[in-house]
C-alpha atoms as a PDB file:
ATOM      1  CA  MET A   1     130.100  65.775  95.689  1.00  0.00           C
ATOM      2  CA  VAL A   2     126.548  67.226  95.961  1.00  0.00           C
ATOM      3  CA  PRO A   3     126.150  70.279  98.143  1.00  0.00           C
ATOM      4  CA  ALA A   4     124.091  69.757 101.306  1.00  0.00           C
ATOM      5  CA  GLY A   5     121.475  72.346 100.339  1.00  0.00           C
ATOM      6  CA  LYS A   6     120.749  70.774  97.015  1.00  0.00           C
ATOM      7  CA  ASN A   7     120.450  67.309  98.599  1.00  0.00           C
ATOM      8  CA  CYS A   8     117.835  68.510 101.070  1.00  0.00           C
ATOM      9  CA  LYS A   9     115.912  70.249  98.299  1.00  0.00           C
ATOM     10  CA  GLY A  10     115.875  67.029  96.220  1.00  0.00           C
ATOM     11  CA  ASP A  11     114.591  65.043  99.170  1.00  0.00           C
ATOM     12  CA  LYS A  12     111.753  67.535  99.643  1.00  0.00           C
ATOM     13  CA  MET A  13     110.810  67.234  95.955  1.00  0.00           C
ATOM     14  CA  LYS A  14     110.766  63.463  96.166  1.00  0.00           C
ATOM     15  CA  LYS A  15     108.567  63.542  99.279  1.00  0.00           C
ATOM     16  CA  ARG A  16     106.168  66.011  97.626  1.00  0.00           C
ATOM     17  CA  THR A  17     105.946  63.819  94.501  1.00  0.00           C
ATOM     18  CA  LEU A  18     105.252  60.706  96.585  1.00  0.00           C
ATOM     19  CA  ALA A  19     102.568  62.567  98.532  1.00  0.00           C
ATOM     20  CA  ILE A  20     100.857  63.700  95.311  1.00  0.00           C
ATOM     21  CA  LEU A  21     100.958  60.165  93.903  1.00  0.00           C
ATOM     22  CA  ALA A  22      99.515  58.795  97.144  1.00  0.00           C
ATOM     23  CA  LEU A  23      96.702  61.375  97.021  1.00  0.00           C
ATOM     24  CA  ILE A  24      95.892  60.471  93.424  1.00  0.00           C
ATOM     25  CA  LEU A  25      95.803  56.768  94.331  1.00  0.00           C
ATOM     26  CA  VAL A  26      93.427  57.430  97.250  1.00  0.00           C
ATOM     27  CA  CYS A  27      91.097  59.425  94.982  1.00  0.00           C
ATOM     28  CA  LEU A  28      91.073  56.656  92.378  1.00  0.00           C
ATOM     29  CA  LEU A  29      90.249  54.027  94.984  1.00  0.00           C
ATOM     30  CA  ALA A  30      87.446  56.179  96.383  1.00  0.00           C
ATOM     31  CA  ALA A  31      85.994  56.722  92.915  1.00  0.00           C
ATOM     32  CA  CYS A  32      86.011  52.967  92.232  1.00  0.00           C
ATOM     33  CA  SER A  33      84.276  52.198  95.511  1.00  0.00           C
ATOM     34  CA  THR A  34      81.486  54.702  94.858  1.00  0.00           C
ATOM     35  CA  ALA A  35      80.996  53.947  91.165  1.00  0.00           C
ATOM     36  CA  PRO A  36      77.672  52.219  90.364  1.00  0.00           C
ATOM     37  CA  GLN A  37      78.103  48.480  89.951  1.00  0.00           C
ATOM     38  CA  ALA A  38      76.518  46.541  87.085  1.00  0.00           C
ATOM     39  CA  GLU A  39      73.407  44.714  88.361  1.00  0.00           C
ATOM     40  CA  ASP A  40      72.964  40.990  88.013  1.00  0.00           C
ATOM     41  CA  PRO A  41      70.133  40.624  85.446  1.00  0.00           C
ATOM     42  CA  SER A  42      69.037  37.391  87.107  1.00  0.00           C
ATOM     43  CA  LYS A  43      67.895  39.389  90.147  1.00  0.00           C
ATOM     44  CA  HIS A  44      65.218  41.033  88.022  1.00  0.00           C
ATOM     45  CA  ALA A  45      64.468  38.107  85.696  1.00  0.00           C
ATOM     46  CA  ASP A  46      60.819  37.298  85.351  1.00  0.00           C
ATOM     47  CA  PRO A  47      60.360  33.859  86.967  1.00  0.00           C
ATOM     48  CA  GLU A  48      57.829  33.016  84.280  1.00  0.00           C
ATOM     49  CA  GLU A  49      60.200  33.959  81.473  1.00  0.00           C
ATOM     50  CA  ASN A  50      62.357  31.341  79.713  1.00  0.00           C
ATOM     51  CA  GLN A  51      61.689  28.950  82.551  1.00  0.00           C
ATOM     52  CA  SER A  52      59.283  26.027  82.285  1.00  0.00           C
ATOM     53  CA  VAL A  53      56.066  27.639  81.023  1.00  0.00           C
ATOM     54  CA  LEU A  54      55.080  26.330  77.591  1.00  0.00           C
ATOM     55  CA  LYS A  55      53.951  29.021  75.157  1.00  0.00           C
ATOM     56  CA  SER A  56      54.038  29.329  71.421  1.00  0.00           C
ATOM     57  CA  PRO A  57      56.454  31.918  70.007  1.00  0.00           C
ATOM     58  CA  ALA A  58      53.759  32.634  67.420  1.00  0.00           C
ATOM     59  CA  GLY A  59      51.679  34.340  70.111  1.00  0.00           C
ATOM     60  CA  ASP A  60      48.044  34.797  69.201  1.00  0.00           C
ATOM     61  CA  ASP A  61      48.552  33.134  65.821  1.00  0.00           C
ATOM     62  CA  VAL A  62      48.943  29.710  67.444  1.00  0.00           C
ATOM     63  CA  THR A  63      46.194  27.140  66.868  1.00  0.00           C
ATOM     64  CA  PRO A  64      45.066  24.486  69.374  1.00  0.00           C
ATOM     65  CA  TYR A  65      46.721  21.835  67.192  1.00  0.00           C
ATOM     66  CA  THR A  66      50.080  23.608  67.246  1.00  0.00           C
ATOM     67  CA  PHE A  67      49.986  24.227  70.988  1.00  0.00           C
ATOM     68  CA  LEU A  68      48.519  20.920  72.186  1.00  0.00           C
ATOM     69  CA  ASN A  69      49.669  18.334  69.639  1.00  0.00           C
ATOM     70  CA  LEU A  70      53.049  19.779  68.704  1.00  0.00           C
ATOM     71  CA  ILE A  71      54.293  21.815  71.675  1.00  0.00           C
ATOM     72  CA  CYS A  72      52.683  20.019  74.636  1.00  0.00           C
ATOM     73  CA  GLY A  73      52.416  16.627  72.959  1.00  0.00           C
ATOM     74  CA  ASN A  74      56.131  16.559  72.166  1.00  0.00           C
ATOM     75  CA  ALA A  75      57.270  17.778  75.576  1.00  0.00           C
ATOM     76  CA  GLU A  76      59.180  15.075  77.455  1.00  0.00           C
ATOM     77  CA  VAL A  77      57.576  16.287  80.682  1.00  0.00           C
ATOM     78  CA  LEU A  78      54.262  18.146  80.996  1.00  0.00           C
ATOM     79  CA  SER A  79      52.025  19.305  83.827  1.00  0.00           C
ATOM     80  CA  PHE A  80      49.024  21.574  84.283  1.00  0.00           C
ATOM     81  CA  THR A  81      45.886  21.880  86.399  1.00  0.00           C
ATOM     82  CA  TYR A  82      42.321  22.585  85.388  1.00  0.00           C
ATOM     83  CA  ALA A  83      38.859  22.920  86.903  1.00  0.00           C
ATOM     84  CA  THR A  84      35.335  23.555  85.718  1.00  0.00           C
ATOM     85  CA  GLU A  85      33.501  26.779  86.465  1.00  0.00           C
ATOM     86  CA  HIS A  86      31.126  25.099  88.933  1.00  0.00           C
ATOM     87  CA  ALA A  87      31.422  26.459  92.458  1.00  0.00           C
ATOM     88  CA  ASP A  88      32.022  22.990  93.936  1.00  0.00           C
ATOM     89  CA  SER A  89      34.536  21.934  91.287  1.00  0.00           C
ATOM     90  CA  ASN A  90      37.733  20.303  92.516  1.00  0.00           C
ATOM     91  CA  PRO A  91      40.929  21.017  90.574  1.00  0.00           C
ATOM     92  CA  VAL A  92      42.532  18.215  88.587  1.00  0.00           C
ATOM     93  CA  THR A  93      46.297  17.947  88.122  1.00  0.00           C
ATOM     94  CA  PHE A  94      47.607  16.282  84.973  1.00  0.00           C
ATOM     95  CA  GLN A  95      51.227  15.175  84.579  1.00  0.00           C
ATOM     96  CA  LYS A  96      53.024  13.110  81.981  1.00  0.00           C
ATOM     97  CA  THR A  97      56.463  11.818  81.168  1.00  0.00           C
ATOM     98  CA  GLU A  98      57.555   9.712  78.216  1.00  0.00           C
ATOM     99  CA  ASN A  99      56.487   6.527  80.027  1.00  0.00           C
ATOM    100  CA  ALA A 100      53.448   7.441  82.124  1.00  0.00           C
ATOM    101  CA  SER A 101      50.521   9.818  82.581  1.00  0.00           C
ATOM    102  CA  VAL A 102      48.558  10.593  85.729  1.00  0.00           C
ATOM    103  CA  GLU A 103      45.581  12.668  86.826  1.00  0.00           C
ATOM    104  CA  SER A 104      45.192  13.480  90.518  1.00  0.00           C
ATOM    105  CA  TYR A 105      41.777  14.555  91.793  1.00  0.00           C
ATOM    106  CA  ALA A 106      39.162  14.150  94.515  1.00  0.00           C
ATOM    107  CA  LYS A 107      35.851  12.299  94.140  1.00  0.00           C
ATOM    108  CA  ASN A 108      33.038  11.348  96.503  1.00  0.00           C
ATOM    109  CA  ASP A 109      32.297   7.761  97.475  1.00  0.00           C
ATOM    110  CA  MET A 110      28.779   6.334  97.763  1.00  0.00           C
ATOM    111  CA  HIS A 111      28.373   7.996 101.168  1.00  0.00           C
ATOM    112  CA  GLY A 112      29.446  11.414  99.930  1.00  0.00           C
ATOM    113  CA  ASN A 113      32.872  11.225 101.565  1.00  0.00           C
ATOM    114  CA  PRO A 114      35.818  12.682  99.614  1.00  0.00           C
ATOM    115  CA  VAL A 115      38.348  10.214  98.204  1.00  0.00           C
ATOM    116  CA  SER A 116      41.730  11.235  96.810  1.00  0.00           C
ATOM    117  CA  VAL A 117      42.406   9.419  93.543  1.00  0.00           C
ATOM    118  CA  ARG A 118      45.508   9.012  91.392  1.00  0.00           C
ATOM    119  CA  GLU A 119      44.623   7.714  87.950  1.00  0.00           C
ATOM    120  CA  LEU A 120      47.931   6.388  86.651  1.00  0.00           C
ATOM    121  CA  GLU A 121      48.366   5.051  83.108  1.00  0.00           C
ATOM    122  CA  LYS A 122      51.568   3.054  82.856  1.00  0.00           C
ATOM    123  CA  ASP A 123      52.841  -0.085  81.102  1.00  0.00           C
ATOM    124  CA  GLY A 124      49.561  -0.719  79.252  1.00  0.00           C
ATOM    125  CA  LYS A 125      47.310  -0.476  82.297  1.00  0.00           C
ATOM    126  CA  VAL A 126      45.313   2.186  84.123  1.00  0.00           C
ATOM    127  CA  HIS A 127      45.560   2.139  87.909  1.00  0.00           C
ATOM    128  CA  TYR A 128      43.068   3.977  90.099  1.00  0.00           C
ATOM    129  CA  ILE A 129      45.087   4.435  93.276  1.00  0.00           C
ATOM    130  CA  MET A 130      43.405   5.441  96.547  1.00  0.00           C
ATOM    131  CA  ASP A 131      46.412   6.156  98.776  1.00  0.00           C
ATOM    132  CA  ASP A 132      44.409   6.910 101.937  1.00  0.00           C
ATOM    133  CA  PHE A 133      42.981   3.383 101.842  1.00  0.00           C
ATOM    134  CA  LYS A 134      45.992   1.649 100.224  1.00  0.00           C
ATOM    135  CA  ILE A 135      43.725   0.268  97.498  1.00  0.00           C
ATOM    136  CA  ILE A 136      44.356  -0.024  93.739  1.00  0.00           C
ATOM    137  CA  LYS A 137      41.834  -0.904  91.056  1.00  0.00           C
ATOM    138  CA  THR A 138      43.527  -1.743  87.753  1.00  0.00           C
ATOM    139  CA  TYR A 139      42.001  -1.726  84.257  1.00  0.00           C
ATOM    140  CA  LEU A 140      43.323  -2.118  80.731  1.00  0.00           C
ATOM    141  CA  ALA A 141      44.657   0.985  78.988  1.00  0.00           C
ATOM    142  CA  PRO A 142      43.937   3.490  77.614  1.00  0.00           C
ATOM    143  CA  ALA A 143      42.558   5.944  80.141  1.00  0.00           C
ATOM    144  CA  GLU A 144      39.599   7.189  78.139  1.00  0.00           C
ATOM    145  CA  ASP A 145      38.708   9.966  80.569  1.00  0.00           C
ATOM    146  CA  PHE A 146      41.969  11.942  80.489  1.00  0.00           C
ATOM    147  CA  LEU A 147      40.991  15.416  79.279  1.00  0.00           C
ATOM    148  CA  PHE A 148      44.406  16.052  77.705  1.00  0.00           C
ATOM    149  CA  TYR A 149      44.076  13.175  75.223  1.00  0.00           C
ATOM    150  CA  LYS A 150      40.507  14.153  74.386  1.00  0.00           C
ATOM    151  CA  MET A 151      41.794  17.629  73.525  1.00  0.00           C
ATOM    152  CA  LEU A 152      44.535  16.179  71.313  1.00  0.00           C
ATOM    153  CA  GLU A 153      41.944  14.226  69.346  1.00  0.00           C
ATOM    154  CA  ALA A 154      39.588  17.181  68.992  1.00  0.00           C
ATOM    155  CA  ALA A 155      42.317  19.591  67.871  1.00  0.00           C
ATOM    156  CA  ASP A 156      43.652  17.164  65.262  1.00  0.00           C
ATOM    157  CA  SER A 157      41.150  18.283  62.639  1.00  0.00           C
ATOM    158  CA  VAL A 158      40.014  21.375  60.766  1.00  0.00           C
ATOM    159  CA  PRO A 159      38.112  23.878  62.930  1.00  0.00           C
ATOM    160  CA  GLY A 160      34.558  24.588  61.826  1.00  0.00           C
ATOM    161  CA  LEU A 161      34.682  28.104  63.267  1.00  0.00           C
ATOM    162  CA  THR A 162      37.391  30.632  64.114  1.00  0.00           C
ATOM    163  CA  ALA A 163      36.615  33.976  65.708  1.00  0.00           C
ATOM    164  CA  LYS A 164      37.790  36.518  68.254  1.00  0.00           C
ATOM    165  CA  VAL A 165      35.713  36.584  71.445  1.00  0.00           C
ATOM    166  CA  ASP A 166      36.383  38.670  74.575  1.00  0.00           C
ATOM    167  CA  GLY A 167      40.071  39.054  73.787  1.00  0.00           C
ATOM    168  CA  HIS A 168      40.541  35.330  73.048  1.00  0.00           C
ATOM    169  CA  TYR A 169      40.916  33.524  69.738  1.00  0.00           C
ATOM    170  CA  LEU A 170      38.193  30.904  69.468  1.00  0.00           C
ATOM    171  CA  TYR A 171      38.646  27.647  67.542  1.00  0.00           C
ATOM    172  CA  GLU A 172      35.627  25.371  67.387  1.00  0.00           C
ATOM    173  CA  TYR A 173      35.759  21.683  66.438  1.00  0.00           C
ATOM    174  CA  GLY A 174      33.086  19.032  66.044  1.00  0.00           C
ATOM    175  CA  LEU A 175      33.617  15.326  66.712  1.00  0.00           C
ATOM    176  CA  PRO A 176      31.082  12.547  66.068  1.00  0.00           C
ATOM    177  CA  PHE A 177      29.449  11.361  69.280  1.00  0.00           C
ATOM    178  CA  GLU A 178      30.797   7.928  70.210  1.00  0.00           C
ATOM    179  CA  HIS A 179      27.380   6.245  70.275  1.00  0.00           C
ATOM    180  CA  ASP A 180      25.688   8.249  67.509  1.00  0.00           C
ATOM    181  CA  GLU A 181      27.605   9.573  64.481  1.00  0.00           C
ATOM    182  CA  ASN A 182      24.725  11.926  63.655  1.00  0.00           C
ATOM    183  CA  THR A 183      25.346  13.820  66.901  1.00  0.00           C
ATOM    184  CA  GLN A 184      28.312  16.156  67.262  1.00  0.00           C
ATOM    185  CA  ASP A 185      30.421  16.818  70.336  1.00  0.00           C
ATOM    186  CA  LYS A 186      31.581  20.441  70.199  1.00  0.00           C
ATOM    187  CA  TYR A 187      34.994  21.478  71.534  1.00  0.00           C
ATOM    188  CA  SER A 188      35.580  25.240  71.756  1.00  0.00           C
ATOM    189  CA  PHE A 189      39.196  26.222  72.491  1.00  0.00           C
ATOM    190  CA  TYR A 190      39.978  29.753  73.697  1.00  0.00           C
ATOM    191  CA  MET A 191      43.593  30.745  72.993  1.00  0.00           C
ATOM    192  CA  LYS A 192      45.440  33.830  74.234  1.00  0.00           C
ATOM    193  CA  ASP A 193      49.110  34.868  74.464  1.00  0.00           C
ATOM    194  CA  GLY A 194      50.282  31.684  72.774  1.00  0.00           C
ATOM    195  CA  THR A 195      48.596  29.262  75.164  1.00  0.00           C
ATOM    196  CA  LEU A 196      45.267  27.588  75.942  1.00  0.00           C
ATOM    197  CA  LYS A 197      43.234  29.453  78.549  1.00  0.00           C
ATOM    198  CA  LYS A 198      39.770  27.899  78.393  1.00  0.00           C
ATOM    199  CA  LEU A 199      37.858  25.009  76.837  1.00  0.00           C
ATOM    200  CA  THR A 200      34.115  24.515  76.513  1.00  0.00           C
ATOM    201  CA  ILE A 201      32.742  21.059  75.695  1.00  0.00           C
ATOM    202  CA  SER A 202      29.161  20.346  74.639  1.00  0.00           C
ATOM    203  CA  LEU A 203      28.422  16.646  74.375  1.00  0.00           C
ATOM    204  CA  GLY A 204      25.457  16.204  72.045  1.00  0.00           C
ATOM    205  CA  ASP A 205      22.462  18.036  73.471  1.00  0.00           C
ATOM    206  CA  THR A 206      23.904  18.312  76.987  1.00  0.00           C
ATOM    207  CA  SER A 207      24.778  21.610  78.601  1.00  0.00           C
ATOM    208  CA  ALA A 208      28.252  22.961  77.939  1.00  0.00           C
ATOM    209  CA  VAL A 209      30.988  22.415  80.526  1.00  0.00           C
ATOM    210  CA  THR A 210      33.750  25.018  80.726  1.00  0.00           C
ATOM    211  CA  TYR A 211      37.284  24.223  81.878  1.00  0.00           C
ATOM    212  CA  ARG A 212      39.911  26.787  82.843  1.00  0.00           C
ATOM    213  CA  PHE A 213      43.624  25.983  82.782  1.00  0.00           C
ATOM    214  CA  SER A 214      46.715  26.967  84.688  1.00  0.00           C
ATOM    215  CA  ASP A 215      50.049  27.434  82.921  1.00  0.00           C
ATOM    216  CA  PHE A 216      51.243  24.421  80.962  1.00  0.00           C
ATOM    217  CA  ARG A 217      54.738  23.562  82.241  1.00  0.00           C
ATOM    218  CA  GLN A 218      57.525  21.288  81.134  1.00  0.00           C
ATOM    219  CA  GLU A 219      58.189  20.131  84.683  1.00  0.00           C
ATOM    220  CA  LEU A 220      56.448  17.875  87.198  1.00  0.00           C
ATOM    221  CA  ILE A 221      54.303  19.276  89.976  1.00  0.00           C
ATOM    222  CA  ASP A 222      54.433  16.099  92.055  1.00  0.00           C
ATOM    223  CA  ALA A 223      56.758  13.377  90.773  1.00  0.00           C
ATOM    224  CA  ALA A 224      55.535  10.935  93.453  1.00  0.00           C
ATOM    225  CA  ALA A 225      52.123  10.827  91.766  1.00  0.00           C
ATOM    226  CA  LEU A 226      53.692   8.866  88.896  1.00  0.00           C
ATOM    227  CA  GLU A 227      54.980   6.097  91.169  1.00  0.00           C
ATOM    228  CA  PHE A 228      53.169   2.766  91.463  1.00  0.00           C
ATOM    229  CA  PRO A 229      52.929   1.812  95.128  1.00  0.00           C
ATOM    230  CA  GLN A 230      53.878  -1.601  96.486  1.00  0.00           C
ATOM    231  CA  LYS A 231      52.070  -3.373  99.352  1.00  0.00           C
ATOM    232  CA  TYR A 232      48.626  -2.021  98.418  1.00  0.00           C
ATOM    233  CA  ASP A 233      45.562  -4.243  97.949  1.00  0.00           C
ATOM    234  CA  GLU A 234      45.015  -4.480  94.188  1.00  0.00           C
ATOM    235  CA  VAL A 235      41.976  -5.666  92.242  1.00  0.00           C
ATOM    236  CA  GLU A 236      42.561  -6.152  88.503  1.00  0.00           C
ATOM    237  CA  PHE A 237      39.932  -6.137  85.742  1.00  0.00           C
ATOM    238  CA  SER A 238      40.296  -7.514  82.216  1.00  0.00           C
ATOM    239  CA  TYR A 239      38.664  -4.540  80.452  1.00  0.00           C
ATOM    240  CA  PRO A 240      39.109  -0.757  80.223  1.00  0.00           C
ATOM    241  CA  TYR A 241      37.137   1.534  82.511  1.00  0.00           C
ATOM    242  CA  THR A 242      34.759   3.555  80.326  1.00  0.00           C
ATOM    243  CA  GLY A 243      32.440   5.017  82.942  1.00  0.00           C
ATOM    244  CA  GLU A 244      29.706   2.478  82.243  1.00  0.00           C
ATOM    245  CA  HIS A 245      30.369   0.634  85.496  1.00  0.00           C
ATOM    246  CA  VAL A 246      30.439   1.726  89.130  1.00  0.00           C
ATOM    247  CA  PRO A 247      33.363   4.160  89.592  1.00  0.00           C
ATOM    248  CA  PRO A 248      36.485   2.599  91.117  1.00  0.00           C
ATOM    249  CA  TRP A 249      36.241   4.877  94.167  1.00  0.00           C
ATOM    250  CA  TRP A 250      32.495   4.406  94.714  1.00  0.00           C
ATOM    251  CA  GLU A 251      32.592   1.654  97.329  1.00  0.00           C
ATOM    252  CA  ILE A 252      35.830   2.708  98.993  1.00  0.00           C
ATOM    253  CA  GLY A 253      35.430   2.721 102.770  1.00  0.00           C
ATOM    254  CA  ASN A 254      32.032   1.006 102.557  1.00  0.00           C
ATOM    255  CA  ASP A 255      32.345  -0.873 105.822  1.00  0.00           C
ATOM    256  CA  GLU A 256      29.431   0.740 107.628  1.00  0.00           C
END
């Protein structure tokens, strides 16, 4: 039989031990709650990084052929915008999938009024779609005025000049003029950070036109632009549009 004094002393020891353990547990919980938590790296991820922007891993060593014909040309989906350096230049949006290509832009009709145009190449035809007027003018493919395909053709050759200009790598190509093989069309591509930044085109003896580009992305800017509308008035021609005739948007709204 345990003496009463010893029993009370043992109870006090047990209570003291439990109190110490409880204090240690409280301290551990407090330390865990105040310890710095590991941050989610996605909160600080650069939205331009490893997303949809197309760039060459080769950086400044990339040529126009590698970037345009291999990287952009093989992308299942591609979009970018561009504009000339003229003050009144309207931006053009280019988009493509495996089955269709489209340029969206604004032009002026014969009265100087702006007309929104979707130039859609799909299923062997080129459709000039004027949504505001629900009118379509259809020609045979290909769309010879798409800048992207002109660049692919120009870059698919050996550059006549390579140089470094104003922080860009310049690649210059010459193509025979369509109507005179003795005249050269000059395409000057300005590359930087693994992508195309600027293009200057001199057609024969004409003044150079400079285009500046947004990021090239492997995503669509406006998927609806690639849709062929139903219930529009359509006029179909049995030849491609080459620019030799009146533009498809020229007489739009000519009811005055």
